[in-house]
Every structure is written in structure tokens, then in C-alpha cells.
């Protein structure tokens, strides 16, 4: 018998693998949190599957999401990224990745880690929602509004409330798996 999965992923092998193995699993590792944050910022205005299909290209293009290296990118590297057909070539998002890497490291300096900062908004404990259908999950919440405002105040770009909420879902800060999904109680 096949396991029930959240409706948004069904029918695409890449989507299903991402759903089954990563989505909603609590992430406390700064490198992974940064990767998801950057991927979510590139996703703004697009579908997640578009970004997911280009994820390996993004890893290669952005030095495996090494924020210390990205913070030092200069104009020649930015120009090379804008020529890279394997990623989403949006000049503002590419530039934002560099400024976000710098802001990310400033948060690490202030809080000891980005994980301590971001998980501090929920006292380190995931929020467990109860949706029968993924379509009932919100695109943003008052909490994602608060985090978005704080990130923007700290110099982050492309971190609107919807992007922040998607990041919270992806990194397990909030469990929005459908109640009937086999991953609901696993994460």
C-alpha cells in the first residue's frame, strides 16, 4: 500500500523525494539554513519546483552556498552568475545573495549562530499545524511578518513574509504536512 503524501508533491519524483526526505524536517545547521534561505529568495515569484530542478546548478554556481565565500563575491563573479543558464538569472536576486550572506554573518556574530536567531522566534520548538489539505495552509502568518520585518531591518533582501513562511515550512520551524501525510508525525 502506498503511503499518503501531501497533495502538492504527488506526481513528480523530484518533488516527492524532497517532500519525503527534507521538507519540514527541523534544520538547525547554519549552512543548510542559508541554502534554503537563498533558494527561497530565488523562488520568489516562481514555483518551488523550478528552483528544485536547478538546485544542483545553484550549489555549483554559488560555491555550495558557502556564505563566507559568497559575501566576498565581486563584480566579475556576479557577471559570471548572470551568464549561468543553470540558475535563475535575476540580477537583483544575485546581488541580494551577496548582501544576504553578509547580513547572515552579522546575525551569526550577534547571536552565535543564525540557527539561534531564527529558532529563537519560536523558542526552539517547531509549530505543529493541523491541515487536512495543503491548500488550507497559509502563505504567511503574523510570525512570518515579524521575522520578515526583522530580517529586512538587518539588511536582508527578498525576504518578504511569504518567502519567510516558506523557509519556516522547509526547515521544519512549522510542520505544515497534511495530517494524513505519513511525514506529519515523523517530523
N, C-alpha and C. Protein backbone atom coordinates (compact mmCIF):
# COMPACT_ATOMS: atom_id res chain seq x y z
N UNK A 1 0.84 -1.19 0.00
CA UNK A 1 0.00 0.00 0.00
C UNK A 1 0.89 1.25 0.00
N UNK A 2 0.51 2.21 -0.83
CA UNK A 2 1.29 3.43 -0.93
C UNK A 2 0.96 4.38 0.21
N UNK A 3 1.97 5.05 0.72
CA UNK A 3 1.79 6.00 1.81
C UNK A 3 1.13 7.27 1.29
N UNK A 4 0.25 7.85 2.12
CA UNK A 4 -0.36 9.13 1.75
C UNK A 4 0.67 10.24 1.91
N UNK A 5 0.73 11.12 0.90
CA UNK A 5 1.64 12.26 0.92
C UNK A 5 0.86 13.54 0.72
N UNK A 6 1.46 14.65 1.11
CA UNK A 6 0.85 15.96 0.87
C UNK A 6 0.57 16.12 -0.63
N UNK A 7 -0.60 16.63 -0.93
CA UNK A 7 -1.03 16.73 -2.33
C UNK A 7 -0.14 17.55 -3.24
N UNK A 8 0.58 18.53 -2.69
CA UNK A 8 1.39 19.40 -3.54
C UNK A 8 2.55 18.70 -4.22
N UNK A 9 2.99 17.57 -3.68
CA UNK A 9 4.19 16.92 -4.24
C UNK A 9 3.88 15.73 -5.14
N UNK A 10 2.66 15.22 -5.08
CA UNK A 10 2.32 13.97 -5.75
C UNK A 10 2.43 14.08 -7.28
N UNK A 11 3.12 13.09 -7.86
CA UNK A 11 3.19 13.01 -9.31
C UNK A 11 4.51 13.44 -9.91
N UNK A 12 5.42 13.98 -9.11
CA UNK A 12 6.72 14.40 -9.61
C UNK A 12 7.78 13.76 -8.71
N UNK A 13 8.63 12.93 -9.28
CA UNK A 13 9.62 12.19 -8.49
C UNK A 13 10.53 13.10 -7.67
N UNK A 14 10.99 14.19 -8.27
CA UNK A 14 11.88 15.11 -7.55
C UNK A 14 11.14 15.76 -6.38
N UNK A 15 9.92 16.22 -6.64
CA UNK A 15 9.09 16.83 -5.60
C UNK A 15 8.82 15.84 -4.47
N UNK A 16 8.48 14.60 -4.84
CA UNK A 16 8.16 13.59 -3.83
C UNK A 16 9.39 13.26 -2.98
N UNK A 17 10.55 13.16 -3.60
CA UNK A 17 11.78 12.87 -2.84
C UNK A 17 12.09 14.02 -1.88
N UNK A 18 11.94 15.24 -2.36
CA UNK A 18 12.16 16.42 -1.50
C UNK A 18 11.18 16.39 -0.33
N UNK A 19 9.91 16.14 -0.62
CA UNK A 19 8.87 16.06 0.41
C UNK A 19 9.19 14.96 1.43
N UNK A 20 9.55 13.79 0.93
CA UNK A 20 9.75 12.63 1.79
C UNK A 20 10.99 12.74 2.68
N UNK A 21 12.02 13.42 2.19
CA UNK A 21 13.30 13.42 2.88
C UNK A 21 13.68 14.74 3.56
N UNK A 22 13.18 15.86 3.04
CA UNK A 22 13.67 17.14 3.54
C UNK A 22 12.61 18.08 4.10
N UNK A 23 11.52 18.25 3.36
CA UNK A 23 10.56 19.30 3.69
C UNK A 23 9.96 19.10 5.07
N UNK A 24 10.09 20.10 5.91
CA UNK A 24 9.51 20.04 7.24
C UNK A 24 10.38 19.41 8.30
N UNK A 25 11.56 18.93 7.90
CA UNK A 25 12.48 18.35 8.88
C UNK A 25 13.21 19.51 9.58
N UNK A 26 13.16 19.58 10.91
CA UNK A 26 13.82 20.68 11.61
C UNK A 26 15.32 20.77 11.28
N UNK A 27 15.73 21.94 10.82
CA UNK A 27 17.11 22.21 10.43
C UNK A 27 17.71 23.21 11.41
N UNK A 28 18.81 22.82 12.03
CA UNK A 28 19.48 23.73 12.99
C UNK A 28 20.88 24.10 12.50
N UNK A 29 21.28 23.53 11.38
CA UNK A 29 22.61 23.76 10.81
C UNK A 29 22.62 25.05 9.99
N UNK A 30 23.52 25.97 10.31
CA UNK A 30 23.57 27.26 9.63
C UNK A 30 23.77 27.15 8.12
N UNK A 31 24.65 26.25 7.70
CA UNK A 31 24.91 26.12 6.25
C UNK A 31 23.63 25.72 5.51
N UNK A 32 22.87 24.79 6.06
CA UNK A 32 21.63 24.35 5.42
C UNK A 32 20.56 25.44 5.49
N UNK A 33 20.49 26.12 6.62
CA UNK A 33 19.53 27.23 6.74
C UNK A 33 19.83 28.31 5.70
N UNK A 34 21.11 28.59 5.48
CA UNK A 34 21.48 29.58 4.47
C UNK A 34 21.08 29.11 3.08
N UNK A 35 21.36 27.85 2.77
CA UNK A 35 21.00 27.31 1.46
C UNK A 35 19.50 27.47 1.21
N UNK A 36 18.69 27.06 2.17
CA UNK A 36 17.24 27.19 1.99
C UNK A 36 16.81 28.64 1.87
N UNK A 37 17.43 29.52 2.64
CA UNK A 37 17.08 30.93 2.57
C UNK A 37 17.36 31.49 1.17
N UNK A 38 18.51 31.15 0.62
CA UNK A 38 18.85 31.64 -0.72
C UNK A 38 17.93 31.03 -1.77
N UNK A 39 17.70 29.74 -1.68
CA UNK A 39 16.79 29.11 -2.65
C UNK A 39 15.39 29.72 -2.57
N UNK A 40 14.92 29.98 -1.36
CA UNK A 40 13.59 30.61 -1.21
C UNK A 40 13.57 32.01 -1.80
N UNK A 41 14.67 32.76 -1.66
CA UNK A 41 14.68 34.11 -2.23
C UNK A 41 14.65 34.05 -3.75
N UNK A 42 15.30 33.07 -4.34
CA UNK A 42 15.25 32.92 -5.80
C UNK A 42 13.88 32.43 -6.25
N UNK A 43 13.18 31.73 -5.38
CA UNK A 43 11.87 31.20 -5.72
C UNK A 43 10.81 32.30 -5.77
N UNK A 44 11.04 33.40 -5.09
CA UNK A 44 10.04 34.48 -5.03
C UNK A 44 9.49 34.79 -6.42
N UNK A 45 8.18 34.62 -6.58
CA UNK A 45 7.53 34.89 -7.85
C UNK A 45 7.53 33.71 -8.81
N UNK A 46 8.16 32.61 -8.42
CA UNK A 46 8.23 31.42 -9.27
C UNK A 46 7.70 30.22 -8.49
N UNK A 47 7.67 29.07 -9.13
CA UNK A 47 7.24 27.86 -8.43
C UNK A 47 8.46 27.20 -7.79
N UNK A 48 8.23 26.52 -6.68
CA UNK A 48 9.33 25.86 -5.97
C UNK A 48 9.98 24.78 -6.83
N UNK A 49 9.18 24.09 -7.64
CA UNK A 49 9.74 23.01 -8.47
C UNK A 49 10.78 23.58 -9.45
N UNK A 50 10.57 24.81 -9.90
CA UNK A 50 11.54 25.45 -10.80
C UNK A 50 12.89 25.57 -10.11
N UNK A 51 12.87 25.99 -8.86
CA UNK A 51 14.12 26.14 -8.09
C UNK A 51 14.70 24.76 -7.77
N UNK A 52 13.84 23.84 -7.38
CA UNK A 52 14.30 22.50 -7.01
C UNK A 52 15.03 21.82 -8.18
N UNK A 53 14.52 22.01 -9.38
CA UNK A 53 15.15 21.41 -10.56
C UNK A 53 16.52 22.02 -10.86
N UNK A 54 16.74 23.24 -10.38
CA UNK A 54 18.01 23.92 -10.61
C UNK A 54 18.92 23.90 -9.37
N UNK A 55 18.49 23.20 -8.33
CA UNK A 55 19.21 23.23 -7.05
C UNK A 55 20.68 22.84 -7.18
N UNK A 56 20.98 21.77 -7.88
CA UNK A 56 22.38 21.36 -8.04
C UNK A 56 23.18 22.40 -8.81
N UNK A 57 22.56 23.03 -9.79
CA UNK A 57 23.23 24.11 -10.53
C UNK A 57 23.52 25.29 -9.60
N UNK A 58 22.55 25.61 -8.73
CA UNK A 58 22.76 26.68 -7.75
C UNK A 58 23.93 26.34 -6.82
N UNK A 59 23.97 25.09 -6.37
CA UNK A 59 25.06 24.68 -5.47
C UNK A 59 26.42 24.89 -6.13
N UNK A 60 26.50 24.49 -7.39
CA UNK A 60 27.76 24.63 -8.13
C UNK A 60 28.09 26.11 -8.35
N UNK A 61 27.11 26.87 -8.80
CA UNK A 61 27.34 28.28 -9.13
C UNK A 61 27.68 29.12 -7.90
N UNK A 62 27.08 28.79 -6.76
CA UNK A 62 27.27 29.57 -5.54
C UNK A 62 28.17 28.86 -4.53
N UNK A 63 29.22 28.20 -5.01
CA UNK A 63 30.23 27.59 -4.14
C UNK A 63 29.60 26.79 -3.01
N UNK A 64 28.64 25.95 -3.36
CA UNK A 64 27.96 25.09 -2.39
C UNK A 64 27.34 25.89 -1.24
N UNK A 65 26.87 27.10 -1.58
CA UNK A 65 26.22 28.00 -0.62
C UNK A 65 27.12 28.37 0.56
N UNK A 66 28.41 28.47 0.29
CA UNK A 66 29.37 28.89 1.32
C UNK A 66 29.22 30.41 1.50
N UNK A 67 28.50 30.81 2.54
CA UNK A 67 28.18 32.23 2.73
C UNK A 67 29.43 33.08 2.94
N UNK A 68 30.50 32.50 3.48
CA UNK A 68 31.74 33.26 3.66
C UNK A 68 32.35 33.63 2.31
N UNK A 69 32.29 32.69 1.36
CA UNK A 69 32.80 32.98 0.00
C UNK A 69 31.85 33.94 -0.72
N UNK A 70 30.56 33.67 -0.60
CA UNK A 70 29.56 34.49 -1.31
C UNK A 70 29.65 35.95 -0.87
N UNK A 71 29.88 36.19 0.41
CA UNK A 71 29.98 37.56 0.93
C UNK A 71 31.10 38.35 0.27
N UNK A 72 32.08 37.63 -0.30
CA UNK A 72 33.24 38.28 -0.92
C UNK A 72 33.12 38.37 -2.45
N UNK A 73 32.00 37.92 -3.02
CA UNK A 73 31.85 37.97 -4.47
C UNK A 73 31.99 39.41 -4.96
N UNK A 74 32.71 39.53 -6.07
CA UNK A 74 32.89 40.84 -6.69
C UNK A 74 32.18 40.85 -8.03
N UNK A 75 32.27 41.98 -8.70
CA UNK A 75 31.51 42.21 -9.94
C UNK A 75 31.73 41.13 -11.01
N UNK A 76 32.96 40.66 -11.16
CA UNK A 76 33.23 39.64 -12.19
C UNK A 76 32.48 38.34 -11.89
N UNK A 77 32.41 37.96 -10.62
CA UNK A 77 31.68 36.74 -10.25
C UNK A 77 30.17 36.95 -10.46
N UNK A 78 29.68 38.12 -10.11
CA UNK A 78 28.25 38.42 -10.32
C UNK A 78 27.91 38.36 -11.80
N UNK A 79 28.78 38.91 -12.64
CA UNK A 79 28.55 38.87 -14.09
C UNK A 79 28.55 37.43 -14.61
N UNK A 80 29.46 36.61 -14.08
CA UNK A 80 29.50 35.20 -14.49
C UNK A 80 28.22 34.48 -14.08
N UNK A 81 27.72 34.78 -12.89
CA UNK A 81 26.47 34.17 -12.43
C UNK A 81 25.30 34.56 -13.33
N UNK A 82 25.30 35.80 -13.77
CA UNK A 82 24.21 36.28 -14.64
C UNK A 82 24.26 35.65 -16.03
N UNK A 83 25.38 35.03 -16.37
CA UNK A 83 25.50 34.32 -17.65
C UNK A 83 25.22 32.82 -17.50
N UNK A 84 25.08 32.36 -16.27
CA UNK A 84 24.91 30.93 -15.99
C UNK A 84 23.46 30.51 -16.24
N UNK A 85 23.25 29.75 -17.31
CA UNK A 85 21.90 29.33 -17.68
C UNK A 85 21.33 28.27 -16.74
N UNK A 86 22.15 27.72 -15.88
CA UNK A 86 21.70 26.69 -14.96
C UNK A 86 20.96 27.22 -13.74
N UNK A 87 21.04 28.55 -13.52
CA UNK A 87 20.37 29.15 -12.37
C UNK A 87 19.32 30.15 -12.86
N UNK A 88 18.63 30.75 -11.93
CA UNK A 88 17.68 31.82 -12.25
C UNK A 88 18.49 33.10 -12.31
N UNK A 89 18.56 33.69 -13.49
CA UNK A 89 19.45 34.82 -13.71
C UNK A 89 18.73 36.15 -13.49
N UNK A 90 18.46 36.44 -12.25
CA UNK A 90 17.82 37.69 -11.88
C UNK A 90 18.87 38.53 -11.17
N UNK A 91 19.22 39.66 -11.79
CA UNK A 91 20.31 40.49 -11.28
C UNK A 91 20.09 40.92 -9.83
N UNK A 92 18.87 41.33 -9.50
CA UNK A 92 18.59 41.78 -8.14
C UNK A 92 18.73 40.64 -7.13
N UNK A 93 18.29 39.45 -7.51
CA UNK A 93 18.39 38.30 -6.61
C UNK A 93 19.83 37.83 -6.46
N UNK A 94 20.60 37.89 -7.53
CA UNK A 94 22.02 37.51 -7.46
C UNK A 94 22.75 38.48 -6.53
N UNK A 95 22.51 39.78 -6.70
CA UNK A 95 23.15 40.76 -5.82
C UNK A 95 22.68 40.61 -4.38
N UNK A 96 21.39 40.31 -4.22
CA UNK A 96 20.84 40.12 -2.88
C UNK A 96 21.49 38.94 -2.17
N UNK A 97 21.89 37.93 -2.92
CA UNK A 97 22.55 36.77 -2.32
C UNK A 97 23.83 37.19 -1.61
N UNK A 98 24.57 38.12 -2.22
CA UNK A 98 25.81 38.61 -1.61
C UNK A 98 25.50 39.43 -0.36
N UNK A 99 24.56 40.35 -0.45
CA UNK A 99 24.23 41.15 0.74
C UNK A 99 23.59 40.29 1.82
N UNK A 100 22.82 39.27 1.43
CA UNK A 100 22.22 38.37 2.42
C UNK A 100 23.29 37.54 3.13
N UNK A 101 24.33 37.15 2.40
CA UNK A 101 25.43 36.41 3.03
C UNK A 101 26.12 37.27 4.09
N UNK A 102 26.31 38.54 3.78
CA UNK A 102 26.93 39.46 4.74
C UNK A 102 26.03 39.64 5.97
N UNK A 103 24.75 39.84 5.73
CA UNK A 103 23.80 40.03 6.83
C UNK A 103 23.69 38.75 7.67
N UNK A 104 23.76 37.61 7.01
CA UNK A 104 23.72 36.31 7.68
C UNK A 104 24.87 36.19 8.68
N UNK A 105 26.06 36.59 8.24
CA UNK A 105 27.23 36.51 9.11
C UNK A 105 27.16 37.53 10.26
N UNK A 106 26.52 38.66 10.02
CA UNK A 106 26.34 39.64 11.10
C UNK A 106 25.42 39.06 12.18
N UNK A 107 24.38 38.35 11.76
CA UNK A 107 23.48 37.69 12.72
C UNK A 107 24.25 36.62 13.49
N UNK A 108 25.09 35.86 12.79
CA UNK A 108 25.90 34.84 13.48
C UNK A 108 26.76 35.48 14.56
N UNK A 109 27.35 36.61 14.22
CA UNK A 109 28.22 37.30 15.16
C UNK A 109 27.43 37.76 16.39
N UNK A 110 26.23 38.27 16.15
CA UNK A 110 25.40 38.79 17.24
C UNK A 110 24.78 37.69 18.10
N UNK A 111 24.32 36.60 17.48
CA UNK A 111 23.57 35.56 18.20
C UNK A 111 24.33 34.26 18.40
N UNK A 112 25.54 34.17 17.88
CA UNK A 112 26.33 32.94 17.98
C UNK A 112 26.11 32.02 16.80
N UNK A 113 24.89 32.03 16.26
CA UNK A 113 24.58 31.27 15.04
C UNK A 113 23.28 31.83 14.45
N UNK A 114 23.10 31.61 13.18
CA UNK A 114 21.82 32.01 12.55
C UNK A 114 20.71 31.14 13.11
N UNK A 115 21.02 29.89 13.37
CA UNK A 115 20.04 28.96 13.94
C UNK A 115 19.48 29.48 15.26
N UNK A 116 20.36 29.96 16.14
CA UNK A 116 19.90 30.52 17.42
C UNK A 116 18.96 31.70 17.20
N UNK A 117 19.32 32.53 16.24
CA UNK A 117 18.49 33.70 15.92
C UNK A 117 17.11 33.27 15.41
N UNK A 118 17.07 32.48 14.34
CA UNK A 118 15.81 32.18 13.67
C UNK A 118 14.92 31.29 14.53
N UNK A 119 15.51 30.28 15.18
CA UNK A 119 14.73 29.39 16.05
C UNK A 119 14.31 30.08 17.33
N UNK A 120 14.98 31.17 17.67
CA UNK A 120 14.61 31.95 18.85
C UNK A 120 13.22 32.55 18.75
N UNK A 121 12.75 32.75 17.54
CA UNK A 121 11.40 33.30 17.34
C UNK A 121 10.31 32.33 17.82
N UNK A 122 10.66 31.04 17.91
CA UNK A 122 9.67 30.03 18.34
C UNK A 122 10.21 29.21 19.52
N UNK A 123 11.12 29.80 20.26
CA UNK A 123 11.71 29.14 21.43
C UNK A 123 12.27 27.76 21.11
N UNK A 124 12.76 27.58 19.89
CA UNK A 124 13.41 26.34 19.50
C UNK A 124 12.50 25.16 19.26
N UNK A 125 11.18 25.37 19.35
CA UNK A 125 10.23 24.25 19.20
C UNK A 125 9.36 24.46 17.97
N UNK A 126 9.33 23.47 17.06
CA UNK A 126 8.51 23.59 15.86
C UNK A 126 7.02 23.80 16.18
N UNK A 127 6.38 24.59 15.35
CA UNK A 127 4.93 24.80 15.43
C UNK A 127 4.28 23.68 14.62
N UNK A 128 3.37 22.96 15.22
CA UNK A 128 2.71 21.84 14.54
C UNK A 128 1.28 22.24 14.20
N UNK A 129 1.03 22.45 12.92
CA UNK A 129 -0.31 22.80 12.46
C UNK A 129 -1.10 21.54 12.15
N UNK A 130 -2.38 21.68 11.87
CA UNK A 130 -3.26 20.53 11.60
C UNK A 130 -4.14 20.82 10.40
N UNK A 131 -3.58 20.63 9.21
CA UNK A 131 -4.34 20.86 7.98
C UNK A 131 -4.64 19.54 7.30
N UNK A 132 -5.90 19.34 6.93
CA UNK A 132 -6.29 18.13 6.19
C UNK A 132 -5.83 18.21 4.74
N UNK A 133 -5.74 19.45 4.23
CA UNK A 133 -5.38 19.68 2.84
C UNK A 133 -4.33 20.79 2.80
N UNK A 134 -3.26 20.57 2.07
CA UNK A 134 -2.18 21.57 2.00
C UNK A 134 -2.68 22.92 1.53
N UNK A 135 -3.77 22.95 0.78
CA UNK A 135 -4.31 24.21 0.26
C UNK A 135 -4.85 25.10 1.39
N UNK A 136 -5.06 24.52 2.56
CA UNK A 136 -5.56 25.29 3.70
C UNK A 136 -4.44 25.94 4.51
N UNK A 137 -3.20 25.57 4.23
CA UNK A 137 -2.06 26.19 4.93
C UNK A 137 -1.92 27.64 4.45
N UNK A 138 -1.54 28.52 5.35
CA UNK A 138 -1.40 29.93 4.96
C UNK A 138 -0.14 30.17 4.12
N UNK A 139 -0.13 31.27 3.40
CA UNK A 139 1.06 31.67 2.65
C UNK A 139 2.00 32.46 3.57
N UNK A 140 1.43 33.04 4.61
CA UNK A 140 2.22 33.77 5.60
C UNK A 140 1.39 33.88 6.88
N UNK A 141 2.06 34.31 7.95
CA UNK A 141 1.41 34.42 9.25
C UNK A 141 1.92 35.68 9.95
N UNK A 142 1.29 36.08 11.05
CA UNK A 142 1.84 37.21 11.80
C UNK A 142 3.30 36.97 12.22
N UNK A 143 3.65 35.72 12.54
CA UNK A 143 5.03 35.41 12.91
C UNK A 143 5.98 35.59 11.72
N UNK A 144 5.58 35.12 10.55
CA UNK A 144 6.46 35.31 9.38
C UNK A 144 6.56 36.79 9.03
N UNK A 145 5.50 37.56 9.30
CA UNK A 145 5.56 39.03 9.11
C UNK A 145 6.64 39.62 10.03
N UNK A 146 6.64 39.19 11.29
CA UNK A 146 7.60 39.69 12.28
C UNK A 146 9.03 39.34 11.89
N UNK A 147 9.24 38.08 11.51
CA UNK A 147 10.60 37.64 11.13
C UNK A 147 11.05 38.38 9.87
N UNK A 148 10.15 38.52 8.90
CA UNK A 148 10.47 39.23 7.66
C UNK A 148 10.91 40.66 7.96
N UNK A 149 10.16 41.35 8.78
CA UNK A 149 10.50 42.74 9.13
C UNK A 149 11.87 42.81 9.80
N UNK A 150 12.14 41.86 10.69
CA UNK A 150 13.41 41.86 11.40
C UNK A 150 14.57 41.58 10.44
N UNK A 151 14.39 40.61 9.55
CA UNK A 151 15.43 40.31 8.56
C UNK A 151 15.70 41.52 7.67
N UNK A 152 14.65 42.18 7.22
CA UNK A 152 14.82 43.37 6.37
C UNK A 152 15.55 44.48 7.11
N UNK A 153 15.20 44.65 8.38
CA UNK A 153 15.85 45.65 9.22
C UNK A 153 17.35 45.36 9.33
N UNK A 154 17.70 44.08 9.25
CA UNK A 154 19.10 43.66 9.36
C UNK A 154 19.80 43.62 8.00
N UNK A 155 19.13 44.07 6.94
CA UNK A 155 19.78 44.20 5.64
C UNK A 155 19.47 43.11 4.63
N UNK A 156 18.61 42.16 4.98
CA UNK A 156 18.26 41.11 4.02
C UNK A 156 17.33 41.64 2.93
N UNK A 157 17.44 41.04 1.75
CA UNK A 157 16.60 41.39 0.60
C UNK A 157 15.82 40.15 0.16
N UNK A 158 14.68 40.37 -0.47
CA UNK A 158 13.81 39.29 -0.98
C UNK A 158 13.39 38.33 0.14
N UNK A 159 13.09 38.88 1.28
CA UNK A 159 12.65 38.08 2.41
C UNK A 159 11.30 38.57 2.91
N UNK A 160 10.36 38.67 1.98
CA UNK A 160 9.01 39.04 2.36
C UNK A 160 8.40 37.95 3.22
N UNK A 161 7.25 38.23 3.78
CA UNK A 161 6.60 37.31 4.70
C UNK A 161 6.32 35.94 4.07
N UNK A 162 5.94 35.90 2.80
CA UNK A 162 5.66 34.62 2.14
C UNK A 162 6.93 33.80 1.97
N UNK A 163 8.03 34.45 1.59
CA UNK A 163 9.32 33.77 1.47
C UNK A 163 9.75 33.23 2.83
N UNK A 164 9.58 34.03 3.87
CA UNK A 164 9.96 33.61 5.22
C UNK A 164 9.11 32.42 5.66
N UNK A 165 7.80 32.45 5.38
CA UNK A 165 6.95 31.34 5.79
C UNK A 165 7.34 30.06 5.05
N UNK A 166 7.65 30.18 3.77
CA UNK A 166 8.09 29.01 3.00
C UNK A 166 9.39 28.46 3.59
N UNK A 167 10.28 29.35 4.02
CA UNK A 167 11.52 28.94 4.67
C UNK A 167 11.23 28.21 5.98
N UNK A 168 10.27 28.73 6.74
CA UNK A 168 9.89 28.10 8.00
C UNK A 168 9.33 26.69 7.76
N UNK A 169 8.53 26.54 6.70
CA UNK A 169 7.98 25.22 6.36
C UNK A 169 9.10 24.27 5.94
N UNK A 170 9.97 24.74 5.07
CA UNK A 170 11.04 23.89 4.52
C UNK A 170 11.99 23.41 5.61
N UNK A 171 12.29 24.30 6.57
CA UNK A 171 13.29 23.98 7.58
C UNK A 171 12.68 23.46 8.89
N UNK A 172 11.41 23.12 8.85
CA UNK A 172 10.78 22.48 9.99
C UNK A 172 10.44 23.37 11.17
N UNK A 173 10.53 24.67 11.00
CA UNK A 173 10.10 25.56 12.07
C UNK A 173 8.59 25.44 12.25
N UNK A 174 7.93 25.11 11.16
CA UNK A 174 6.49 24.88 11.20
C UNK A 174 6.21 23.59 10.44
N UNK A 175 5.37 22.74 11.01
CA UNK A 175 5.01 21.48 10.36
C UNK A 175 3.67 21.68 9.66
N UNK A 176 3.72 21.84 8.36
CA UNK A 176 2.51 22.01 7.57
C UNK A 176 2.22 20.79 6.70
N UNK A 177 2.80 19.64 7.06
CA UNK A 177 2.40 18.41 6.38
C UNK A 177 0.92 18.18 6.65
N UNK A 178 0.21 17.65 5.67
CA UNK A 178 -1.19 17.32 5.87
C UNK A 178 -1.27 16.29 7.01
N UNK A 179 -2.32 16.38 7.82
CA UNK A 179 -2.48 15.48 8.96
C UNK A 179 -2.43 14.02 8.53
N UNK A 180 -2.96 13.71 7.35
CA UNK A 180 -2.96 12.34 6.86
C UNK A 180 -1.67 11.91 6.19
N UNK A 181 -0.73 12.82 6.04
CA UNK A 181 0.55 12.52 5.38
C UNK A 181 1.42 11.66 6.30
N UNK A 182 2.10 10.70 5.72
CA UNK A 182 2.95 9.81 6.53
C UNK A 182 4.08 10.57 7.24
N UNK A 183 4.45 11.76 6.74
CA UNK A 183 5.53 12.53 7.35
C UNK A 183 5.05 13.41 8.50
N UNK A 184 3.74 13.58 8.65
CA UNK A 184 3.19 14.50 9.66
C UNK A 184 3.73 14.23 11.05
N UNK A 185 3.66 13.00 11.49
CA UNK A 185 4.16 12.67 12.83
C UNK A 185 5.63 12.31 12.85
N UNK A 186 6.22 12.07 11.69
CA UNK A 186 7.65 11.73 11.64
C UNK A 186 8.55 12.94 11.86
N UNK A 187 8.08 14.11 11.43
CA UNK A 187 8.93 15.30 11.57
C UNK A 187 8.54 16.05 12.84
